[in-house]
């Protein structure tokens, strides 16, 4: 992990396309702005973790379902 010291108005770059700017420092809170290409997802970590958890849950087959059976059914529809 890289730890940096920045003041309000200062930025850091991640690669060539992502810029993180310290917008405001108030007490123990820091407001930051992230400038990134549209194809780069930017989330707060707690939201990112929820998305990952939901994706893992969606990938679990319910009991009694056979993936080969499902794939066979999909092939019949085409």
PDB file of N, CA and C in Angstrom:
ATOM      1  N   UNK A   1       0.849  -1.178   0.000  1.00  0.00           N
ATOM      2  CA  UNK A   1       0.000   0.000   0.000  1.00  0.00           C
ATOM      3  C   UNK A   1       0.890   1.235   0.000  1.00  0.00           C
ATOM      4  N   UNK A   2       0.511   2.192  -0.800  1.00  0.00           N
ATOM      5  CA  UNK A   2       1.228   3.461  -0.873  1.00  0.00           C
ATOM      6  C   UNK A   2       0.455   4.495  -0.056  1.00  0.00           C
ATOM      7  N   UNK A   3       1.111   5.157   0.869  1.00  0.00           N
ATOM      8  CA  UNK A   3       0.472   6.214   1.660  1.00  0.00           C
ATOM      9  C   UNK A   3       1.073   7.548   1.238  1.00  0.00           C
ATOM     10  N   UNK A   4       0.208   8.499   0.882  1.00  0.00           N
ATOM     11  CA  UNK A   4       0.652   9.810   0.420  1.00  0.00           C
ATOM     12  C   UNK A   4       0.048  10.908   1.286  1.00  0.00           C
ATOM     13  N   UNK A   5       0.716  12.013   1.348  1.00  0.00           N
ATOM     14  CA  UNK A   5       0.175  13.202   2.000  1.00  0.00           C
ATOM     15  C   UNK A   5      -0.222  14.182   0.907  1.00  0.00           C
ATOM     16  N   UNK A   6      -1.459  14.647   0.936  1.00  0.00           N
ATOM     17  CA  UNK A   6      -1.968  15.608  -0.041  1.00  0.00           C
ATOM     18  C   UNK A   6      -2.733  16.688   0.703  1.00  0.00           C
ATOM     19  N   UNK A   7      -2.751  17.875   0.153  1.00  0.00           N
ATOM     20  CA  UNK A   7      -3.537  18.978   0.697  1.00  0.00           C
ATOM     21  C   UNK A   7      -4.752  19.186  -0.196  1.00  0.00           C
ATOM     22  N   UNK A   8      -5.740  19.925   0.308  1.00  0.00           N
ATOM     23  CA  UNK A   8      -6.923  20.230  -0.500  1.00  0.00           C
ATOM     24  C   UNK A   8      -6.493  20.865  -1.813  1.00  0.00           C
ATOM     25  N   UNK A   9      -7.079  20.383  -2.908  1.00  0.00           N
ATOM     26  CA  UNK A   9      -6.749  20.891  -4.234  1.00  0.00           C
ATOM     27  C   UNK A   9      -5.646  20.103  -4.929  1.00  0.00           C
ATOM     28  N   UNK A  10      -4.929  19.264  -4.192  1.00  0.00           N
ATOM     29  CA  UNK A  10      -3.867  18.474  -4.799  1.00  0.00           C
ATOM     30  C   UNK A  10      -4.415  17.130  -5.275  1.00  0.00           C
ATOM     31  N   UNK A  11      -3.741  16.554  -6.255  1.00  0.00           N
ATOM     32  CA  UNK A  11      -4.204  15.311  -6.875  1.00  0.00           C
ATOM     33  C   UNK A  11      -3.134  14.247  -6.860  1.00  0.00           C
ATOM     34  N   UNK A  12      -3.538  13.039  -7.235  1.00  0.00           N
ATOM     35  CA  UNK A  12      -2.619  11.959  -7.530  1.00  0.00           C
ATOM     36  C   UNK A  12      -3.167  11.239  -8.754  1.00  0.00           C
ATOM     37  N   UNK A  13      -2.279  10.630  -9.501  1.00  0.00           N
ATOM     38  CA  UNK A  13      -2.662   9.925 -10.720  1.00  0.00           C
ATOM     39  C   UNK A  13      -2.498   8.421 -10.516  1.00  0.00           C
ATOM     40  N   UNK A  14      -3.451   7.678 -11.042  1.00  0.00           N
ATOM     41  CA  UNK A  14      -3.367   6.218 -11.077  1.00  0.00           C
ATOM     42  C   UNK A  14      -3.309   5.857 -12.555  1.00  0.00           C
ATOM     43  N   UNK A  15      -2.155   5.413 -12.999  1.00  0.00           N
ATOM     44  CA  UNK A  15      -1.958   5.199 -14.428  1.00  0.00           C
ATOM     45  C   UNK A  15      -2.024   6.524 -15.158  1.00  0.00           C
ATOM     46  N   UNK A  16      -2.433   6.478 -16.414  1.00  0.00           N
ATOM     47  CA  UNK A  16      -2.499   7.688 -17.233  1.00  0.00           C
ATOM     48  C   UNK A  16      -3.885   8.322 -17.259  1.00  0.00           C
ATOM     49  N   UNK A  17      -4.911   7.596 -16.778  1.00  0.00           N
ATOM     50  CA  UNK A  17      -6.275   8.060 -17.009  1.00  0.00           C
ATOM     51  C   UNK A  17      -7.105   8.324 -15.759  1.00  0.00           C
ATOM     52  N   UNK A  18      -6.622   7.974 -14.583  1.00  0.00           N
ATOM     53  CA  UNK A  18      -7.419   8.141 -13.368  1.00  0.00           C
ATOM     54  C   UNK A  18      -6.752   9.177 -12.474  1.00  0.00           C
ATOM     55  N   UNK A  19      -7.517  10.218 -12.147  1.00  0.00           N
ATOM     56  CA  UNK A  19      -7.017  11.284 -11.278  1.00  0.00           C
ATOM     57  C   UNK A  19      -7.889  11.348 -10.025  1.00  0.00           C
ATOM     58  N   UNK A  20      -7.253  11.348  -8.875  1.00  0.00           N
ATOM     59  CA  UNK A  20      -7.938  11.464  -7.593  1.00  0.00           C
ATOM     60  C   UNK A  20      -7.511  12.796  -6.977  1.00  0.00           C
ATOM     61  N   UNK A  21      -8.494  13.658  -6.687  1.00  0.00           N
ATOM     62  CA  UNK A  21      -8.209  14.997  -6.164  1.00  0.00           C
ATOM     63  C   UNK A  21      -8.819  15.153  -4.780  1.00  0.00           C
ATOM     64  N   UNK A  22      -8.045  15.702  -3.849  1.00  0.00           N
ATOM     65  CA  UNK A  22      -8.574  16.036  -2.528  1.00  0.00           C
ATOM     66  C   UNK A  22      -9.360  17.344  -2.693  1.00  0.00           C
ATOM     67  N   UNK A  23     -10.659  17.283  -2.464  1.00  0.00           N
ATOM     68  CA  UNK A  23     -11.518  18.449  -2.649  1.00  0.00           C
ATOM     69  C   UNK A  23     -11.592  19.281  -1.376  1.00  0.00           C
ATOM     70  N   UNK A  24     -11.755  18.596  -0.235  1.00  0.00           N
ATOM     71  CA  UNK A  24     -11.955  19.315   1.025  1.00  0.00           C
ATOM     72  C   UNK A  24     -11.535  18.430   2.189  1.00  0.00           C
ATOM     73  N   UNK A  25     -10.986  19.048   3.205  1.00  0.00           N
ATOM     74  CA  UNK A  25     -10.655  18.352   4.447  1.00  0.00           C
ATOM     75  C   UNK A  25     -11.391  19.087   5.559  1.00  0.00           C
ATOM     76  N   UNK A  26     -12.249  18.353   6.252  1.00  0.00           N
ATOM     77  CA  UNK A  26     -13.029  18.963   7.332  1.00  0.00           C
ATOM     78  C   UNK A  26     -13.024  17.998   8.515  1.00  0.00           C
ATOM     79  N   UNK A  27     -12.285  18.346   9.556  1.00  0.00           N
ATOM     80  CA  UNK A  27     -12.182  17.468  10.719  1.00  0.00           C
ATOM     81  C   UNK A  27     -11.550  16.143  10.332  1.00  0.00           C
ATOM     82  N   UNK A  28     -12.255  15.045  10.616  1.00  0.00           N
ATOM     83  CA  UNK A  28     -11.719  13.723  10.292  1.00  0.00           C
ATOM     84  C   UNK A  28     -12.261  13.177   8.970  1.00  0.00           C
ATOM     85  N   UNK A  29     -12.883  14.037   8.161  1.00  0.00           N
ATOM     86  CA  UNK A  29     -13.402  13.608   6.865  1.00  0.00           C
ATOM     87  C   UNK A  29     -12.658  14.291   5.722  1.00  0.00           C
ATOM     88  N   UNK A  30     -12.458  13.530   4.667  1.00  0.00           N
ATOM     89  CA  UNK A  30     -11.796  14.037   3.471  1.00  0.00           C
ATOM     90  C   UNK A  30     -12.734  13.803   2.292  1.00  0.00           C
ATOM     91  N   UNK A  31     -13.025  14.849   1.534  1.00  0.00           N
ATOM     92  CA  UNK A  31     -13.819  14.704   0.308  1.00  0.00           C
ATOM     93  C   UNK A  31     -12.849  14.592  -0.851  1.00  0.00           C
ATOM     94  N   UNK A  32     -13.070  13.559  -1.675  1.00  0.00           N
ATOM     95  CA  UNK A  32     -12.216  13.370  -2.840  1.00  0.00           C
ATOM     96  C   UNK A  32     -13.075  13.320  -4.097  1.00  0.00           C
ATOM     97  N   UNK A  33     -12.461  13.649  -5.211  1.00  0.00           N
ATOM     98  CA  UNK A  33     -13.109  13.546  -6.520  1.00  0.00           C
ATOM     99  C   UNK A  33     -12.268  12.597  -7.358  1.00  0.00           C
ATOM    100  N   UNK A  34     -12.953  11.732  -8.113  1.00  0.00           N
ATOM    101  CA  UNK A  34     -12.264  10.768  -8.964  1.00  0.00           C
ATOM    102  C   UNK A  34     -12.662  11.029 -10.409  1.00  0.00           C
ATOM    103  N   UNK A  35     -11.679  11.236 -11.244  1.00  0.00           N
ATOM    104  CA  UNK A  35     -11.900  11.406 -12.672  1.00  0.00           C
ATOM    105  C   UNK A  35     -11.339  10.172 -13.359  1.00  0.00           C
ATOM    106  N   UNK A  36     -12.236   9.399 -14.004  1.00  0.00           N
ATOM    107  CA  UNK A  36     -11.822   8.156 -14.643  1.00  0.00           C
ATOM    108  C   UNK A  36     -12.645   7.940 -15.908  1.00  0.00           C
ATOM    109  N   UNK A  37     -12.140   7.149 -16.840  1.00  0.00           N
ATOM    110  CA  UNK A  37     -12.921   6.836 -18.033  1.00  0.00           C
ATOM    111  C   UNK A  37     -14.223   6.136 -17.655  1.00  0.00           C
ATOM    112  N   UNK A  38     -15.247   6.290 -18.487  1.00  0.00           N
ATOM    113  CA  UNK A  38     -16.558   5.694 -18.206  1.00  0.00           C
ATOM    114  C   UNK A  38     -16.498   4.182 -17.991  1.00  0.00           C
ATOM    115  N   UNK A  39     -15.582   3.513 -18.672  1.00  0.00           N
ATOM    116  CA  UNK A  39     -15.528   2.055 -18.564  1.00  0.00           C
ATOM    117  C   UNK A  39     -14.872   1.578 -17.263  1.00  0.00           C
ATOM    118  N   UNK A  40     -14.351   2.486 -16.467  1.00  0.00           N
ATOM    119  CA  UNK A  40     -13.755   2.137 -15.176  1.00  0.00           C
ATOM    120  C   UNK A  40     -14.804   2.350 -14.084  1.00  0.00           C
ATOM    121  N   UNK A  41     -15.169   1.275 -13.398  1.00  0.00           N
ATOM    122  CA  UNK A  41     -16.144   1.372 -12.316  1.00  0.00           C
ATOM    123  C   UNK A  41     -15.473   1.988 -11.089  1.00  0.00           C
ATOM    124  N   UNK A  42     -16.142   2.956 -10.479  1.00  0.00           N
ATOM    125  CA  UNK A  42     -15.634   3.597  -9.265  1.00  0.00           C
ATOM    126  C   UNK A  42     -16.738   3.502  -8.221  1.00  0.00           C
ATOM    127  N   UNK A  43     -16.459   2.810  -7.115  1.00  0.00           N
ATOM    128  CA  UNK A  43     -17.436   2.622  -6.042  1.00  0.00           C
ATOM    129  C   UNK A  43     -16.760   2.837  -4.694  1.00  0.00           C
ATOM    130  N   UNK A  44     -17.547   3.237  -3.693  1.00  0.00           N
ATOM    131  CA  UNK A  44     -17.046   3.177  -2.317  1.00  0.00           C
ATOM    132  C   UNK A  44     -16.810   1.700  -2.001  1.00  0.00           C
ATOM    133  N   UNK A  45     -15.843   1.401  -1.162  1.00  0.00           N
ATOM    134  CA  UNK A  45     -15.481   0.007  -0.909  1.00  0.00           C
ATOM    135  C   UNK A  45     -16.654  -0.798  -0.378  1.00  0.00           C
ATOM    136  N   UNK A  46     -17.470  -0.218   0.504  1.00  0.00           N
ATOM    137  CA  UNK A  46     -18.582  -0.989   1.063  1.00  0.00           C
ATOM    138  C   UNK A  46     -19.604  -1.350  -0.022  1.00  0.00           C
ATOM    139  N   UNK A  47     -19.791  -0.492  -1.005  1.00  0.00           N
ATOM    140  CA  UNK A  47     -20.686  -0.792  -2.125  1.00  0.00           C
ATOM    141  C   UNK A  47     -20.051  -1.856  -3.023  1.00  0.00           C
ATOM    142  N   UNK A  48     -18.764  -1.726  -3.279  1.00  0.00           N
ATOM    143  CA  UNK A  48     -18.035  -2.707  -4.074  1.00  0.00           C
ATOM    144  C   UNK A  48     -18.160  -4.101  -3.462  1.00  0.00           C
ATOM    145  N   UNK A  49     -18.008  -4.198  -2.148  1.00  0.00           N
ATOM    146  CA  UNK A  49     -18.123  -5.493  -1.461  1.00  0.00           C
ATOM    147  C   UNK A  49     -19.540  -6.054  -1.576  1.00  0.00           C
ATOM    148  N   UNK A  50     -20.566  -5.202  -1.474  1.00  0.00           N
ATOM    149  CA  UNK A  50     -21.949  -5.665  -1.652  1.00  0.00           C
ATOM    150  C   UNK A  50     -22.168  -6.211  -3.059  1.00  0.00           C
ATOM    151  N   UNK A  51     -21.654  -5.531  -4.054  1.00  0.00           N
ATOM    152  CA  UNK A  51     -21.784  -5.987  -5.447  1.00  0.00           C
ATOM    153  C   UNK A  51     -21.117  -7.347  -5.611  1.00  0.00           C
ATOM    154  N   UNK A  52     -19.919  -7.499  -5.064  1.00  0.00           N
ATOM    155  CA  UNK A  52     -19.216  -8.791  -5.157  1.00  0.00           C
ATOM    156  C   UNK A  52     -20.013  -9.897  -4.481  1.00  0.00           C
ATOM    157  N   UNK A  53     -20.561  -9.605  -3.302  1.00  0.00           N
ATOM    158  CA  UNK A  53     -21.344 -10.604  -2.570  1.00  0.00           C
ATOM    159  C   UNK A  53     -22.586 -11.005  -3.369  1.00  0.00           C
ATOM    160  N   UNK A  54     -23.285 -10.030  -3.946  1.00  0.00           N
ATOM    161  CA  UNK A  54     -24.472 -10.331  -4.743  1.00  0.00           C
ATOM    162  C   UNK A  54     -24.110 -11.145  -5.982  1.00  0.00           C
ATOM    163  N   UNK A  55     -22.982 -10.840  -6.598  1.00  0.00           N
ATOM    164  CA  UNK A  55     -22.548 -11.610  -7.767  1.00  0.00           C
ATOM    165  C   UNK A  55     -22.223 -13.054  -7.395  1.00  0.00           C
ATOM    166  N   UNK A  56     -21.586 -13.238  -6.233  1.00  0.00           N
ATOM    167  CA  UNK A  56     -21.297 -14.607  -5.778  1.00  0.00           C
ATOM    168  C   UNK A  56     -22.591 -15.363  -5.522  1.00  0.00           C
ATOM    169  N   UNK A  57     -23.558 -14.708  -4.879  1.00  0.00           N
ATOM    170  CA  UNK A  57     -24.847 -15.361  -4.600  1.00  0.00           C
ATOM    171  C   UNK A  57     -25.572 -15.723  -5.889  1.00  0.00           C
ATOM    172  N   UNK A  58     -25.519 -14.848  -6.878  1.00  0.00           N
ATOM    173  CA  UNK A  58     -26.208 -15.097  -8.148  1.00  0.00           C
ATOM    174  C   UNK A  58     -25.573 -16.259  -8.905  1.00  0.00           C
ATOM    175  N   UNK A  59     -24.310 -16.535  -8.636  1.00  0.00           N
ATOM    176  CA  UNK A  59     -23.611 -17.605  -9.344  1.00  0.00           C
ATOM    177  C   UNK A  59     -23.855 -18.978  -8.731  1.00  0.00           C
ATOM    178  N   UNK A  60     -24.501 -19.038  -7.582  1.00  0.00           N
ATOM    179  CA  UNK A  60     -24.753 -20.312  -6.905  1.00  0.00           C
ATOM    180  C   UNK A  60     -26.030 -20.925  -7.463  1.00  0.00           C
ATOM    181  N   UNK A  61     -25.938 -22.165  -7.913  1.00  0.00           N
ATOM    182  CA  UNK A  61     -27.119 -22.866  -8.414  1.00  0.00           C
ATOM    183  C   UNK A  61     -27.958 -23.353  -7.237  1.00  0.00           C
ATOM    184  N   UNK A  62     -29.271 -23.208  -7.329  1.00  0.00           N
ATOM    185  CA  UNK A  62     -30.134 -23.758  -6.275  1.00  0.00           C
ATOM    186  C   UNK A  62     -29.985 -25.279  -6.204  1.00  0.00           C
ATOM    187  N   UNK A  63     -30.212 -25.835  -5.024  1.00  0.00           N
ATOM    188  CA  UNK A  63     -30.097 -27.281  -4.826  1.00  0.00           C
ATOM    189  C   UNK A  63     -31.006 -28.005  -5.814  1.00  0.00           C
ATOM    190  N   UNK A  64     -30.511 -29.085  -6.360  1.00  0.00           N
ATOM    191  CA  UNK A  64     -31.316 -29.891  -7.270  1.00  0.00           C
ATOM    192  C   UNK A  64     -31.152 -29.513  -8.733  1.00  0.00           C
ATOM    193  N   UNK A  65     -30.521 -28.391  -9.033  1.00  0.00           N
ATOM    194  CA  UNK A  65     -30.311 -28.015 -10.427  1.00  0.00           C
ATOM    195  C   UNK A  65     -28.965 -28.550 -10.895  1.00  0.00           C
ATOM    196  N   UNK A  66     -28.960 -29.079 -12.089  1.00  0.00           N
ATOM    197  CA  UNK A  66     -27.746 -29.621 -12.680  1.00  0.00           C
ATOM    198  C   UNK A  66     -27.326 -28.701 -13.814  1.00  0.00           C
ATOM    199  N   UNK A  67     -26.112 -28.191 -13.760  1.00  0.00           N
ATOM    200  CA  UNK A  67     -25.637 -27.250 -14.763  1.00  0.00           C
ATOM    201  C   UNK A  67     -25.663 -27.872 -16.156  1.00  0.00           C
ATOM    202  N   UNK A  68     -25.348 -29.150 -16.262  1.00  0.00           N
ATOM    203  CA  UNK A  68     -25.379 -29.813 -17.572  1.00  0.00           C
ATOM    204  C   UNK A  68     -26.802 -29.870 -18.119  1.00  0.00           C
ATOM    205  N   UNK A  69     -27.755 -30.087 -17.231  1.00  0.00           N
ATOM    206  CA  UNK A  69     -29.159 -30.112 -17.632  1.00  0.00           C
ATOM    207  C   UNK A  69     -29.596 -28.730 -18.127  1.00  0.00           C
ATOM    208  N   UNK A  70     -29.177 -27.701 -17.420  1.00  0.00           N
ATOM    209  CA  UNK A  70     -29.525 -26.330 -17.813  1.00  0.00           C
ATOM    210  C   UNK A  70     -28.908 -25.995 -19.160  1.00  0.00           C
ATOM    211  N   UNK A  71     -27.630 -26.327 -19.338  1.00  0.00           N
ATOM    212  CA  UNK A  71     -26.961 -26.051 -20.601  1.00  0.00           C
ATOM    213  C   UNK A  71     -27.603 -26.822 -21.747  1.00  0.00           C
ATOM    214  N   UNK A  72     -28.046 -28.033 -21.481  1.00  0.00           N
ATOM    215  CA  UNK A  72     -28.732 -28.810 -22.500  1.00  0.00           C
ATOM    216  C   UNK A  72     -30.039 -28.162 -22.910  1.00  0.00           C
ATOM    217  N   UNK A  73     -30.778 -27.619 -21.934  1.00  0.00           N
ATOM    218  CA  UNK A  73     -32.045 -26.937 -22.220  1.00  0.00           C
ATOM    219  C   UNK A  73     -31.808 -25.686 -23.039  1.00  0.00           C
ATOM    220  N   UNK A  74     -30.716 -24.965 -22.731  1.00  0.00           N
ATOM    221  CA  UNK A  74     -30.423 -23.746 -23.473  1.00  0.00           C
ATOM    222  C   UNK A  74     -30.114 -24.073 -24.926  1.00  0.00           C
ATOM    223  N   UNK A  75     -29.406 -25.187 -25.173  1.00  0.00           N
ATOM    224  CA  UNK A  75     -29.069 -25.579 -26.530  1.00  0.00           C
ATOM    225  C   UNK A  75     -30.298 -25.932 -27.345  1.00  0.00           C
ATOM    226  N   UNK A  76     -31.347 -26.458 -26.700  1.00  0.00           N
ATOM    227  CA  UNK A  76     -32.569 -26.831 -27.389  1.00  0.00           C
ATOM    228  C   UNK A  76     -33.361 -25.609 -27.834  1.00  0.00           C
ATOM    229  N   UNK A  77     -33.225 -24.494 -27.129  1.00  0.00           N
ATOM    230  CA  UNK A  77     -33.984 -23.288 -27.450  1.00  0.00           C
ATOM    231  C   UNK A  77     -33.473 -22.603 -28.702  1.00  0.00           C
ATOM    232  N   UNK A  78     -32.208 -22.834 -29.026  1.00  0.00           N
ATOM    233  CA  UNK A  78     -31.603 -22.132 -30.174  1.00  0.00           C
ATOM    234  C   UNK A  78     -32.025 -22.719 -31.479  1.00  0.00           C
TER     235      UNK A  78
END
